[in-house]
Amino acid sequence: ASANVPLALQLSYADSLLAIGNSEKAGELLSLLPPADAVLLRRAIASKHRNGPDLAGLRAQLEARFRAADTLAVDELHWRERALYALDVQEEPARALQFAIRNWTEQKGWEDAALLLRAAAAAGDPGAGTVVDRWREAQAGETS
């Protein structure tokens, strides 16, 4: 990890490592980053993949942070992270889908679309992902 490389880019690299099953290297990278929520989440995912001894502590930290966020009156706070946590750490795809849909109402980046589609597939509700297709078609219509 380098102070000159933006955190978002380092997280994207960690996500890529996790996607190809290299949780060991992802965990090493993430251990060098500041303990932001997004970093802790990915550390928990990497730990779960490799049955790491730090998983329980990471889960406790994340759940405490989510509870703290619940006290704030900001709807969009942590929805992506909550969806990822429910899907990849807790293995609760239906709950992950609820969070991913909530996130989609606030953020419409490629990673939000991918998360919603992945959660819908895991929950056995591929129809929930049609909202992404409709949005994409509407965007294409605006540019033509």
C-alpha atoms as a PDB file:
ATOM      1  CA  ALA A   1       0.000   0.000   0.000  1.00  0.00           C
ATOM      2  CA  SER A   2       1.277   3.419  -0.857  1.00  0.00           C
ATOM      3  CA  ALA A   3       0.321   6.822   0.466  1.00  0.00           C
ATOM      4  CA  ASN A   4       0.435   8.052  -3.143  1.00  0.00           C
ATOM      5  CA  VAL A   5      -2.191   5.569  -4.369  1.00  0.00           C
ATOM      6  CA  PRO A   6      -5.805   6.570  -3.655  1.00  0.00           C
ATOM      7  CA  LEU A   7      -7.645   4.337  -1.197  1.00  0.00           C
ATOM      8  CA  ALA A   8     -10.385   3.636  -3.746  1.00  0.00           C
ATOM      9  CA  LEU A   9      -7.803   2.244  -6.172  1.00  0.00           C
ATOM     10  CA  GLN A  10      -6.224   0.076  -3.480  1.00  0.00           C
ATOM     11  CA  LEU A  11      -9.683  -1.239  -2.531  1.00  0.00           C
ATOM     12  CA  SER A  12     -10.407  -1.973  -6.169  1.00  0.00           C
ATOM     13  CA  TYR A  13      -7.183  -3.969  -6.363  1.00  0.00           C
ATOM     14  CA  ALA A  14      -8.145  -5.851  -3.193  1.00  0.00           C
ATOM     15  CA  ASP A  15     -11.577  -6.563  -4.715  1.00  0.00           C
ATOM     16  CA  SER A  16      -9.858  -7.954  -7.808  1.00  0.00           C
ATOM     17  CA  LEU A  17      -7.650 -10.186  -5.681  1.00  0.00           C
ATOM     18  CA  LEU A  18     -10.695 -11.449  -3.778  1.00  0.00           C
ATOM     19  CA  ALA A  19     -12.568 -12.068  -7.027  1.00  0.00           C
ATOM     20  CA  ILE A  20      -9.806 -14.359  -8.299  1.00  0.00           C
ATOM     21  CA  GLY A  21      -9.567 -16.164  -4.977  1.00  0.00           C
ATOM     22  CA  ASN A  22      -6.335 -14.647  -3.718  1.00  0.00           C
ATOM     23  CA  SER A  23      -7.600 -13.813  -0.234  1.00  0.00           C
ATOM     24  CA  GLU A  24      -4.119 -14.176   1.262  1.00  0.00           C
ATOM     25  CA  LYS A  25      -2.629 -11.384  -0.862  1.00  0.00           C
ATOM     26  CA  ALA A  26      -5.787  -9.290  -0.463  1.00  0.00           C
ATOM     27  CA  GLY A  27      -5.517  -9.657   3.311  1.00  0.00           C
ATOM     28  CA  GLU A  28      -1.869  -8.590   3.227  1.00  0.00           C
ATOM     29  CA  LEU A  29      -2.698  -5.479   1.210  1.00  0.00           C
ATOM     30  CA  LEU A  30      -5.681  -4.599   3.380  1.00  0.00           C
ATOM     31  CA  SER A  31      -3.690  -4.974   6.600  1.00  0.00           C
ATOM     32  CA  LEU A  32      -1.564  -2.022   5.465  1.00  0.00           C
ATOM     33  CA  LEU A  33      -4.525   0.306   4.932  1.00  0.00           C
ATOM     34  CA  PRO A  34      -6.274   2.553   7.483  1.00  0.00           C
ATOM     35  CA  PRO A  35      -9.217   0.938   9.314  1.00  0.00           C
ATOM     36  CA  ALA A  36     -11.973   2.605   7.296  1.00  0.00           C
ATOM     37  CA  ASP A  37     -15.277   0.750   7.048  1.00  0.00           C
ATOM     38  CA  ALA A  38     -14.648  -0.328   3.465  1.00  0.00           C
ATOM     39  CA  VAL A  39     -11.220  -1.676   4.425  1.00  0.00           C
ATOM     40  CA  LEU A  40     -12.553  -3.568   7.458  1.00  0.00           C
ATOM     41  CA  LEU A  41     -15.293  -5.070   5.302  1.00  0.00           C
ATOM     42  CA  ARG A  42     -12.834  -6.407   2.761  1.00  0.00           C
ATOM     43  CA  ARG A  43     -10.564  -7.653   5.539  1.00  0.00           C
ATOM     44  CA  ALA A  44     -13.555  -9.595   6.892  1.00  0.00           C
ATOM     45  CA  ILE A  45     -14.307 -11.036   3.445  1.00  0.00           C
ATOM     46  CA  ALA A  46     -10.664 -12.069   2.976  1.00  0.00           C
ATOM     47  CA  SER A  47     -10.588 -13.559   6.471  1.00  0.00           C
ATOM     48  CA  LYS A  48     -13.783 -15.525   5.819  1.00  0.00           C
ATOM     49  CA  HIS A  49     -12.331 -16.947   2.603  1.00  0.00           C
ATOM     50  CA  ARG A  50      -9.233 -18.208   4.400  1.00  0.00           C
ATOM     51  CA  ASN A  51     -10.887 -19.062   7.749  1.00  0.00           C
ATOM     52  CA  GLY A  52      -8.817 -16.397   9.467  1.00  0.00           C
ATOM     53  CA  PRO A  53      -8.760 -16.124  13.237  1.00  0.00           C
ATOM     54  CA  ASP A  54      -9.549 -12.393  13.056  1.00  0.00           C
ATOM     55  CA  LEU A  55     -12.998 -12.851  11.460  1.00  0.00           C
ATOM     56  CA  ALA A  56     -14.972 -12.652  14.725  1.00  0.00           C
ATOM     57  CA  GLY A  57     -13.238  -9.423  15.736  1.00  0.00           C
ATOM     58  CA  LEU A  58     -13.753  -7.883  12.304  1.00  0.00           C
ATOM     59  CA  ARG A  59     -17.432  -8.842  12.350  1.00  0.00           C
ATOM     60  CA  ALA A  60     -17.852  -7.240  15.770  1.00  0.00           C
ATOM     61  CA  GLN A  61     -16.168  -4.025  14.589  1.00  0.00           C
ATOM     62  CA  LEU A  62     -18.293  -3.811  11.453  1.00  0.00           C
ATOM     63  CA  GLU A  63     -21.541  -4.527  13.264  1.00  0.00           C
ATOM     64  CA  ALA A  64     -20.711  -1.844  15.840  1.00  0.00           C
ATOM     65  CA  ARG A  65     -20.027   0.632  13.038  1.00  0.00           C
ATOM     66  CA  PHE A  66     -23.284  -0.255  11.284  1.00  0.00           C
ATOM     67  CA  ARG A  67     -25.179   0.235  14.569  1.00  0.00           C
ATOM     68  CA  ALA A  68     -23.502   3.609  15.000  1.00  0.00           C
ATOM     69  CA  ALA A  69     -24.456   4.569  11.443  1.00  0.00           C
ATOM     70  CA  ASP A  70     -28.070   3.639  12.208  1.00  0.00           C
ATOM     71  CA  THR A  71     -28.190   6.493  14.707  1.00  0.00           C
ATOM     72  CA  LEU A  72     -27.480   9.002  11.927  1.00  0.00           C
ATOM     73  CA  ALA A  73     -30.261  10.367   9.762  1.00  0.00           C
ATOM     74  CA  VAL A  74     -28.452   9.683   6.491  1.00  0.00           C
ATOM     75  CA  ASP A  75     -30.256   7.090   4.378  1.00  0.00           C
ATOM     76  CA  GLU A  76     -27.463   6.267   1.943  1.00  0.00           C
ATOM     77  CA  LEU A  77     -24.858   5.596   4.615  1.00  0.00           C
ATOM     78  CA  HIS A  78     -23.246   2.174   4.362  1.00  0.00           C
ATOM     79  CA  TRP A  79     -25.848   0.458   2.141  1.00  0.00           C
ATOM     80  CA  ARG A  80     -23.241  -0.918  -0.263  1.00  0.00           C
ATOM     81  CA  GLU A  81     -21.072  -2.096   2.610  1.00  0.00           C
ATOM     82  CA  ARG A  82     -24.062  -3.632   4.387  1.00  0.00           C
ATOM     83  CA  ALA A  83     -25.037  -5.495   1.216  1.00  0.00           C
ATOM     84  CA  LEU A  84     -21.497  -6.797   0.728  1.00  0.00           C
ATOM     85  CA  TYR A  85     -21.297  -7.775   4.385  1.00  0.00           C
ATOM     86  CA  ALA A  86     -24.623  -9.636   4.284  1.00  0.00           C
ATOM     87  CA  LEU A  87     -23.688 -11.377   1.027  1.00  0.00           C
ATOM     88  CA  ASP A  88     -20.012 -12.219   1.501  1.00  0.00           C
ATOM     89  CA  VAL A  89     -19.568 -12.472   5.267  1.00  0.00           C
ATOM     90  CA  GLN A  90     -22.939 -13.408   6.738  1.00  0.00           C
ATOM     91  CA  GLU A  91     -24.081 -15.417   3.693  1.00  0.00           C
ATOM     92  CA  GLU A  92     -27.581 -13.916   3.889  1.00  0.00           C
ATOM     93  CA  PRO A  93     -28.403 -13.255   0.218  1.00  0.00           C
ATOM     94  CA  ALA A  94     -32.016 -12.140   0.772  1.00  0.00           C
ATOM     95  CA  ARG A  95     -30.874  -9.524   3.274  1.00  0.00           C
ATOM     96  CA  ALA A  96     -28.010  -8.545   0.967  1.00  0.00           C
ATOM     97  CA  LEU A  97     -30.503  -8.018  -1.840  1.00  0.00           C
ATOM     98  CA  GLN A  98     -32.594  -5.695   0.325  1.00  0.00           C
ATOM     99  CA  PHE A  99     -29.511  -3.623   1.122  1.00  0.00           C
ATOM    100  CA  ALA A 100     -28.326  -3.671  -2.503  1.00  0.00           C
ATOM    101  CA  ILE A 101     -31.711  -2.403  -3.696  1.00  0.00           C
ATOM    102  CA  ARG A 102     -31.617   0.331  -1.057  1.00  0.00           C
ATOM    103  CA  ASN A 103     -28.097   1.218  -2.184  1.00  0.00           C
ATOM    104  CA  TRP A 104     -29.227   1.328  -5.825  1.00  0.00           C
ATOM    105  CA  THR A 105     -31.755   4.032  -4.991  1.00  0.00           C
ATOM    106  CA  GLU A 106     -28.852   6.225  -3.861  1.00  0.00           C
ATOM    107  CA  GLN A 107     -25.869   5.192  -6.005  1.00  0.00           C
ATOM    108  CA  LYS A 108     -25.735   3.913  -9.553  1.00  0.00           C
ATOM    109  CA  GLY A 109     -22.118   3.107 -10.245  1.00  0.00           C
ATOM    110  CA  TRP A 110     -20.953  -0.028 -12.031  1.00  0.00           C
ATOM    111  CA  GLU A 111     -20.013  -1.604  -8.699  1.00  0.00           C
ATOM    112  CA  ASP A 112     -23.529  -0.929  -7.380  1.00  0.00           C
ATOM    113  CA  ALA A 113     -25.068  -2.580 -10.436  1.00  0.00           C
ATOM    114  CA  ALA A 114     -22.750  -5.588 -10.139  1.00  0.00           C
ATOM    115  CA  LEU A 115     -23.568  -5.938  -6.442  1.00  0.00           C
ATOM    116  CA  LEU A 116     -27.311  -5.769  -7.058  1.00  0.00           C
ATOM    117  CA  LEU A 117     -27.123  -8.381  -9.816  1.00  0.00           C
ATOM    118  CA  ARG A 118     -24.917 -10.659  -7.724  1.00  0.00           C
ATOM    119  CA  ALA A 119     -27.197 -10.372  -4.689  1.00  0.00           C
ATOM    120  CA  ALA A 120     -30.286 -11.004  -6.843  1.00  0.00           C
ATOM    121  CA  ALA A 121     -28.717 -14.147  -8.299  1.00  0.00           C
ATOM    122  CA  ALA A 122     -27.590 -15.381  -4.874  1.00  0.00           C
ATOM    123  CA  ALA A 123     -31.056 -14.750  -3.431  1.00  0.00           C
ATOM    124  CA  GLY A 124     -32.653 -16.668  -6.296  1.00  0.00           C
ATOM    125  CA  ASP A 125     -34.455 -13.535  -7.474  1.00  0.00           C
ATOM    126  CA  PRO A 126     -32.939 -12.626 -10.846  1.00  0.00           C
ATOM    127  CA  GLY A 127     -35.988 -10.455 -11.563  1.00  0.00           C
ATOM    128  CA  ALA A 128     -34.763  -8.004  -8.926  1.00  0.00           C
ATOM    129  CA  GLY A 129     -31.879  -7.170 -11.238  1.00  0.00           C
ATOM    130  CA  THR A 130     -34.166  -5.896 -13.987  1.00  0.00           C
ATOM    131  CA  VAL A 131     -34.040  -2.469 -12.361  1.00  0.00           C
ATOM    132  CA  VAL A 132     -30.412  -2.291 -13.510  1.00  0.00           C
ATOM    133  CA  ASP A 133     -31.372  -3.241 -17.073  1.00  0.00           C
ATOM    134  CA  ARG A 134     -34.158  -0.641 -17.162  1.00  0.00           C
ATOM    135  CA  TRP A 135     -31.808   2.041 -15.863  1.00  0.00           C
ATOM    136  CA  ARG A 136     -29.122   1.093 -18.380  1.00  0.00           C
ATOM    137  CA  GLU A 137     -31.653   1.209 -21.245  1.00  0.00           C
ATOM    138  CA  ALA A 138     -32.878   4.612 -20.066  1.00  0.00           C
ATOM    139  CA  GLN A 139     -29.281   5.887 -19.995  1.00  0.00           C
ATOM    140  CA  ALA A 140     -28.647   4.546 -23.500  1.00  0.00           C
ATOM    141  CA  GLY A 141     -31.811   6.253 -24.706  1.00  0.00           C
ATOM    142  CA  GLU A 142     -30.607   9.601 -23.350  1.00  0.00           C
ATOM    143  CA  THR A 143     -27.372   9.430 -25.324  1.00  0.00           C
ATOM    144  CA  SER A 144     -28.859   8.409 -28.658  1.00  0.00           C
END
